[in-house]
Amino acid sequence: MKGGPDKPGAGVLLLAHGAPERLEDVESYLSFVRGGRPGPPQVLEEVRHRYAAIGGSSPLLRWTRAQAAALENRLQLPVFFGMRNWHPFIAETMEQVRESGVERLAAVCLAPQFSELSVGLYIKRTEEAKRQAGVTAELAWARSFHDAPLLIEAFAERLRPLAPGRRVLFTAHSLPEKALADGDPYDRESRATAAAVAARLALPDWDFAYQSQGMTGDRWLGPTVESCLDRYAAEGIRDVVVHPIGFVCDHIEVLYDIDILFRQYAAERGISLSRPESLNDSPAFIAALAEVVKRCW
C-alpha cells in the first residue's frame, strides 16, 4: 500500500464474526451464519440455551468496540469495525468508510490464524461490500498475524500467572477437516501460535486441541478438548489451564464452551479447570494490533 499512517487519508478496518445481543436475536443471527438456509430446530434451541447460560447476550460487540477505540487512540487514525454475521454488518461499515473520505485502509480480521473458511470469507465479503458501497479506498489486508511477537507476548502475559504447576491445553476453534484439503494453513498456524506462547514461557508440559466443533455431520478437526481431559484424568492430572489462542476476546466459545461446558466436564473427572483472562482490551494486544496495522502499509 502506498503511503502510511503518517500520510493523510489513512485508516484501519477491524472485522469480527458478530454475535446476538439478545436472546430474541438468536434465530436471525443463525440465519446469517447459515447464509439464509434454515437450520434444525434443535440447533436453534441449543444455541438459545447457551446464550441464556451466559446471561442472554454476547459481549463480542462491546469488546470489539473497545479494541477499535483503544487502537484508534494509539494510532491517532480512524478505526472502523464491521461484523460478518450481525450488526454493524460489514456493508453498514462500508457506508461509513465511504462518507469518511478515507483513502487507504489497513484491514485486520480479529482472528490471528488464516483459513479460507474464516479470514478468507471476511476478505471476500468485505471486497463485495466495498464494491457495492462505491468505496474507492485502497484495502491492504493483514491475512495472518499468528506469529506476531507482540501477540505472542500478549497471550503469554495472560497465561503467566496460571501456568506454574498446571498442565496447559491450548485451543483453537475447530473447522471441518475438508477445509485443509487444499493446503489451507489454519492447522499449521494455530499450532505454531500455541508453540510460540509455550516457548515464550518455557512451559514443560502443554498440549493443543480444537474446541467448539460445529453441530453438523462433517468431520471436524481434532483432537477435542474432551478427549484430552479424558486422558488427563487417566494420567492423574488434576489441574488444567485451557488457553484459547484462536480468540482475542470473550464470546460464546469462551464463556460457555470453556467456562461452563469444559469446566463441568473436567470436574466430573476430578480435574480443576481454569483459563486466563481473554485478551479483550489488553494494552499488550492493542500494541500487537498496532504493529500488525503498520505491516500493512
Protein backbone atom coordinates (compact mmCIF):
# COMPACT_ATOMS: atom_id res chain seq x y z
CA MET A 1 0.00 0.00 0.00
CA LYS A 2 1.31 3.44 -0.91
CA GLY A 3 1.67 5.89 1.94
CA GLY A 4 1.37 5.03 5.61
CA PRO A 5 -0.09 6.06 8.94
CA ASP A 6 1.68 9.42 8.74
CA LYS A 7 0.00 10.24 5.41
CA PRO A 8 -3.43 11.90 5.14
CA GLY A 9 -6.38 9.62 4.39
CA ALA A 10 -5.18 6.51 6.24
CA GLY A 11 -7.47 4.38 8.39
CA VAL A 12 -8.00 0.92 9.83
CA LEU A 13 -10.78 -1.63 9.37
CA LEU A 14 -11.28 -4.35 12.01
CA LEU A 15 -13.52 -7.32 11.22
CA ALA A 16 -15.19 -9.77 13.59
CA HIS A 17 -17.71 -12.58 13.44
CA GLY A 18 -20.64 -10.85 15.09
CA ALA A 19 -22.97 -12.20 17.75
CA PRO A 20 -26.52 -11.60 19.03
CA GLU A 21 -27.04 -9.16 21.86
CA ARG A 22 -30.46 -10.52 22.87
CA LEU A 23 -31.99 -14.00 23.03
CA GLU A 24 -34.68 -12.75 20.65
CA ASP A 25 -31.97 -12.19 18.03
CA VAL A 26 -30.53 -15.72 18.06
CA GLU A 27 -32.75 -17.07 15.26
CA SER A 28 -31.97 -14.15 12.93
CA TYR A 29 -28.29 -14.38 13.79
CA LEU A 30 -28.18 -18.09 12.92
CA SER A 31 -29.82 -17.39 9.57
CA PHE A 32 -26.92 -15.08 8.70
CA VAL A 33 -24.37 -17.65 9.87
CA ARG A 34 -26.02 -20.27 7.67
CA GLY A 35 -26.31 -17.98 4.64
CA GLY A 36 -30.09 -17.85 4.87
CA ARG A 37 -30.53 -21.63 4.99
CA PRO A 38 -32.90 -22.83 7.75
CA GLY A 39 -31.31 -24.91 10.47
CA PRO A 40 -32.70 -27.79 12.54
CA PRO A 41 -34.97 -26.62 15.39
CA GLN A 42 -32.83 -28.48 17.93
CA VAL A 43 -29.79 -26.45 16.92
CA LEU A 44 -31.69 -23.19 17.44
CA GLU A 45 -32.82 -24.33 20.88
CA GLU A 46 -29.33 -25.42 21.86
CA VAL A 47 -27.79 -22.11 20.78
CA ARG A 48 -30.50 -20.20 22.66
CA HIS A 49 -29.77 -22.28 25.73
CA ARG A 50 -26.07 -21.45 25.51
CA TYR A 51 -26.65 -17.72 25.21
CA ALA A 52 -29.13 -17.85 28.09
CA ALA A 53 -26.47 -19.59 30.19
CA ILE A 54 -24.04 -16.68 29.73
CA GLY A 55 -26.65 -14.04 30.53
CA GLY A 56 -28.57 -13.81 27.26
CA SER A 57 -26.07 -11.66 25.40
CA SER A 58 -22.63 -11.89 23.84
CA PRO A 59 -20.00 -9.28 24.82
CA LEU A 60 -18.32 -9.60 21.42
CA LEU A 61 -19.58 -6.27 20.11
CA ARG A 62 -18.64 -4.45 23.31
CA TRP A 63 -15.10 -5.79 23.25
CA THR A 64 -14.67 -5.16 19.52
CA ARG A 65 -15.79 -1.57 20.02
CA ALA A 66 -13.34 -1.22 22.92
CA GLN A 67 -10.49 -2.68 20.85
CA ALA A 68 -11.26 -0.30 17.99
CA ALA A 69 -11.35 2.71 20.32
CA ALA A 70 -8.07 1.75 22.00
CA LEU A 71 -6.38 1.19 18.64
CA GLU A 72 -7.69 4.50 17.32
CA ASN A 73 -6.28 6.26 20.37
CA ARG A 74 -2.90 4.55 19.96
CA LEU A 75 -2.55 5.16 16.21
CA GLN A 76 -4.37 8.50 16.06
CA LEU A 77 -6.17 7.21 12.96
CA PRO A 78 -9.84 6.49 12.30
CA VAL A 79 -10.61 2.85 13.12
CA PHE A 80 -13.78 1.28 11.70
CA PHE A 81 -15.17 -2.12 12.60
CA GLY A 82 -17.72 -4.40 10.97
CA MET A 83 -19.27 -7.80 11.62
CA ARG A 84 -19.82 -10.63 9.17
CA ASN A 85 -22.96 -12.04 10.76
CA TRP A 86 -24.53 -9.26 12.84
CA HIS A 87 -24.79 -5.52 13.31
CA PRO A 88 -22.89 -3.45 12.41
CA PHE A 89 -22.62 -5.54 9.24
CA ILE A 90 -19.59 -5.04 7.01
CA ALA A 91 -21.86 -3.42 4.43
CA GLU A 92 -23.03 -0.88 7.01
CA THR A 93 -19.45 -0.11 7.95
CA MET A 94 -18.52 0.41 4.30
CA GLU A 95 -21.11 3.17 4.13
CA GLN A 96 -19.23 4.90 6.97
CA VAL A 97 -15.91 4.39 5.20
CA ARG A 98 -17.27 5.97 2.03
CA GLU A 99 -18.62 9.00 3.90
CA SER A 100 -15.36 9.46 5.83
CA GLY A 101 -13.25 10.08 2.75
CA VAL A 102 -10.55 7.67 3.94
CA GLU A 103 -8.27 6.75 1.04
CA ARG A 104 -6.29 3.80 2.45
CA LEU A 105 -7.42 1.12 4.89
CA ALA A 106 -5.34 -1.46 6.69
CA ALA A 107 -7.80 -4.35 7.12
CA VAL A 108 -7.38 -6.81 10.00
CA CYS A 109 -9.62 -9.76 10.82
CA LEU A 110 -9.73 -10.31 14.57
CA ALA A 111 -8.71 -13.93 14.06
CA PRO A 112 -4.93 -14.42 14.19
CA GLN A 113 -4.72 -17.61 12.11
CA PHE A 114 -5.65 -17.70 8.42
CA SER A 115 -8.14 -20.07 6.86
CA GLU A 116 -10.09 -19.65 3.66
CA LEU A 117 -13.21 -20.63 5.64
CA SER A 118 -12.70 -17.81 8.13
CA VAL A 119 -10.39 -14.95 7.19
CA GLY A 120 -10.74 -15.75 3.51
CA LEU A 121 -14.51 -15.35 3.80
CA TYR A 122 -14.14 -12.00 5.59
CA ILE A 123 -11.94 -10.77 2.75
CA LYS A 124 -14.49 -11.88 0.15
CA ARG A 125 -17.45 -10.28 1.96
CA THR A 126 -15.54 -7.04 2.54
CA GLU A 127 -14.44 -6.70 -1.07
CA GLU A 128 -18.06 -7.31 -2.17
CA ALA A 129 -19.37 -4.69 0.27
CA LYS A 130 -16.69 -2.24 -0.85
CA ARG A 131 -17.79 -2.52 -4.48
CA GLN A 132 -21.48 -2.31 -3.66
CA ALA A 133 -21.00 0.80 -1.50
CA GLY A 134 -18.86 2.51 -4.14
CA VAL A 135 -15.91 2.79 -1.76
CA THR A 136 -12.74 3.83 -3.56
CA ALA A 137 -10.37 3.46 -0.60
CA GLU A 138 -7.48 1.06 -1.16
CA LEU A 139 -7.56 -2.03 1.09
CA ALA A 140 -4.40 -3.72 2.36
CA TRP A 141 -5.02 -7.00 4.18
CA ALA A 142 -3.22 -8.46 7.15
CA ARG A 143 -4.07 -12.02 6.16
CA SER A 144 -2.47 -13.57 9.23
CA PHE A 145 -0.72 -12.43 12.39
CA HIS A 146 -0.49 -15.78 14.15
CA ASP A 147 3.21 -15.37 14.94
CA ALA A 148 3.38 -11.63 15.58
CA PRO A 149 5.81 -11.22 18.52
CA LEU A 150 3.57 -8.82 20.42
CA LEU A 151 0.57 -11.13 20.01
CA ILE A 152 2.61 -13.99 21.46
CA GLU A 153 3.63 -11.73 24.35
CA ALA A 154 0.00 -10.70 24.93
CA PHE A 155 -1.12 -14.34 25.19
CA ALA A 156 1.88 -15.19 27.38
CA GLU A 157 1.15 -12.26 29.68
CA ARG A 158 -2.35 -13.56 30.35
CA LEU A 159 -1.18 -17.15 30.88
CA ARG A 160 1.91 -16.47 33.01
CA PRO A 161 0.17 -16.27 36.44
CA LEU A 162 -1.79 -19.51 35.95
CA ALA A 163 0.73 -21.79 34.24
CA PRO A 164 3.06 -22.89 37.09
CA GLY A 165 2.27 -26.39 38.29
CA ARG A 166 -0.57 -26.93 35.85
CA ARG A 167 -0.96 -28.71 32.52
CA VAL A 168 -1.66 -26.14 29.81
CA LEU A 169 -4.02 -27.03 26.98
CA PHE A 170 -4.02 -24.51 24.12
CA THR A 171 -7.12 -24.44 21.93
CA ALA A 172 -8.36 -23.01 18.64
CA HIS A 173 -11.78 -23.12 17.02
CA SER A 174 -12.26 -26.32 15.07
CA LEU A 175 -13.05 -26.34 11.36
CA PRO A 176 -14.35 -29.12 9.11
CA GLU A 177 -11.47 -31.37 8.09
CA LYS A 178 -12.24 -30.69 4.44
CA ALA A 179 -11.10 -27.08 5.00
CA LEU A 180 -7.49 -28.30 4.94
CA ALA A 181 -7.82 -30.30 1.72
CA ASP A 182 -6.08 -27.72 -0.50
CA GLY A 183 -3.20 -26.84 1.79
CA ASP A 184 -5.06 -24.38 3.99
CA PRO A 185 -2.57 -23.17 6.64
CA TYR A 186 -5.02 -22.96 9.56
CA ASP A 187 -3.90 -26.08 11.43
CA ARG A 188 -0.22 -25.23 10.99
CA GLU A 189 -0.69 -21.62 12.09
CA SER A 190 -2.85 -22.50 15.11
CA ARG A 191 -0.29 -24.99 16.39
CA ALA A 192 2.51 -22.50 15.70
CA THR A 193 0.82 -19.86 17.86
CA ALA A 194 0.48 -22.35 20.71
CA ALA A 195 4.09 -23.46 20.38
CA ALA A 196 5.34 -19.86 20.36
CA VAL A 197 3.43 -18.99 23.56
CA ALA A 198 4.67 -22.19 25.21
CA ALA A 199 8.24 -21.35 24.22
CA ARG A 200 7.86 -17.78 25.47
CA LEU A 201 7.00 -19.15 28.93
CA ALA A 202 9.29 -22.20 28.73
CA LEU A 203 6.36 -24.47 29.58
CA PRO A 204 7.44 -28.02 30.46
CA ASP A 205 4.06 -29.66 29.72
CA TRP A 206 1.45 -28.49 27.25
CA ASP A 207 -0.92 -29.80 24.59
CA PHE A 208 -3.06 -28.49 21.76
CA ALA A 209 -6.69 -29.31 20.96
CA TYR A 210 -9.61 -28.00 18.92
CA GLN A 211 -12.80 -26.76 20.53
CA SER A 212 -16.31 -25.74 19.52
CA GLN A 213 -16.83 -28.30 16.79
CA GLY A 214 -19.94 -27.47 14.75
CA MET A 215 -23.33 -29.13 15.05
CA THR A 216 -23.14 -30.73 11.61
CA GLY A 217 -22.41 -34.13 10.14
CA ASP A 218 -18.98 -33.04 8.91
CA ARG A 219 -15.75 -34.47 10.30
CA TRP A 220 -14.17 -31.69 12.36
CA LEU A 221 -10.55 -31.08 13.29
CA GLY A 222 -9.34 -32.72 16.49
CA PRO A 223 -8.24 -33.77 18.99
CA THR A 224 -11.16 -32.50 21.03
CA VAL A 225 -10.77 -30.89 24.42
CA GLU A 226 -12.91 -33.64 25.92
CA SER A 227 -10.56 -36.38 24.67
CA CYS A 228 -7.62 -34.55 26.24
CA LEU A 229 -9.45 -34.21 29.56
CA ASP A 230 -10.25 -37.95 29.49
CA ARG A 231 -6.55 -38.67 29.02
CA TYR A 232 -5.55 -36.30 31.80
CA ALA A 233 -7.98 -37.97 34.19
CA ALA A 234 -6.48 -41.38 33.37
CA GLU A 235 -2.98 -39.99 33.93
CA GLY A 236 -3.90 -38.48 37.29
CA ILE A 237 -3.55 -34.85 36.19
CA ARG A 238 -5.75 -32.71 38.40
CA ASP A 239 -5.05 -29.08 37.41
CA VAL A 240 -5.52 -27.89 33.83
CA VAL A 241 -5.42 -24.45 32.24
CA VAL A 242 -7.25 -24.06 28.93
CA HIS A 243 -5.81 -21.17 26.91
CA PRO A 244 -7.72 -20.36 23.68
CA ILE A 245 -5.12 -18.82 21.36
CA GLY A 246 -7.51 -18.56 18.41
CA PHE A 247 -9.76 -15.98 20.09
CA VAL A 248 -8.99 -12.38 21.01
CA CYS A 249 -11.95 -11.54 23.27
CA ASP A 250 -14.76 -13.03 25.34
CA HIS A 251 -17.69 -14.52 23.44
CA ILE A 252 -19.83 -17.67 23.46
CA GLU A 253 -17.00 -20.10 22.68
CA VAL A 254 -15.10 -18.83 25.70
CA LEU A 255 -17.87 -18.03 28.18
CA TYR A 256 -19.93 -21.15 27.50
CA ASP A 257 -17.73 -23.77 25.86
CA ILE A 258 -14.79 -23.29 28.24
CA ASP A 259 -16.20 -21.69 31.37
CA ILE A 260 -19.31 -23.88 31.60
CA LEU A 261 -19.10 -26.95 29.36
CA PHE A 262 -15.42 -27.89 29.70
CA ARG A 263 -15.24 -26.87 33.35
CA GLN A 264 -18.15 -29.17 34.18
CA TYR A 265 -16.72 -31.99 32.05
CA ALA A 266 -13.39 -31.63 33.85
CA ALA A 267 -14.97 -31.52 37.32
CA GLU A 268 -16.82 -34.77 36.63
CA ARG A 269 -13.38 -36.33 36.10
CA GLY A 270 -11.78 -34.85 39.20
CA ILE A 271 -9.98 -32.07 37.32
CA SER A 272 -9.91 -28.40 38.26
CA LEU A 273 -10.06 -26.36 35.05
CA SER A 274 -9.21 -22.68 34.78
CA ARG A 275 -8.38 -20.26 31.97
CA PRO A 276 -6.58 -16.94 31.64
CA GLU A 277 -8.49 -13.74 31.09
CA SER A 278 -9.18 -13.19 27.40
CA LEU A 279 -7.11 -10.57 25.59
CA ASN A 280 -10.11 -8.21 25.32
CA ASP A 281 -8.66 -4.67 25.51
CA SER A 282 -5.29 -5.73 26.93
CA PRO A 283 -2.73 -2.97 26.22
CA ALA A 284 -0.33 -5.66 25.02
CA PHE A 285 -2.89 -6.86 22.48
CA ILE A 286 -3.65 -3.33 21.29
CA ALA A 287 0.09 -2.84 20.79
CA ALA A 288 0.14 -6.07 18.77
CA LEU A 289 -2.73 -4.85 16.58
CA ALA A 290 -0.89 -1.56 16.02
CA GLU A 291 2.17 -3.44 14.77
CA VAL A 292 0.02 -5.61 12.51
CA VAL A 293 -1.54 -2.48 11.03
CA LYS A 294 1.87 -0.91 10.38
CA ARG A 295 2.94 -4.03 8.49
CA CYS A 296 0.09 -3.35 6.04
CA TRP A 297 1.48 -0.02 4.95
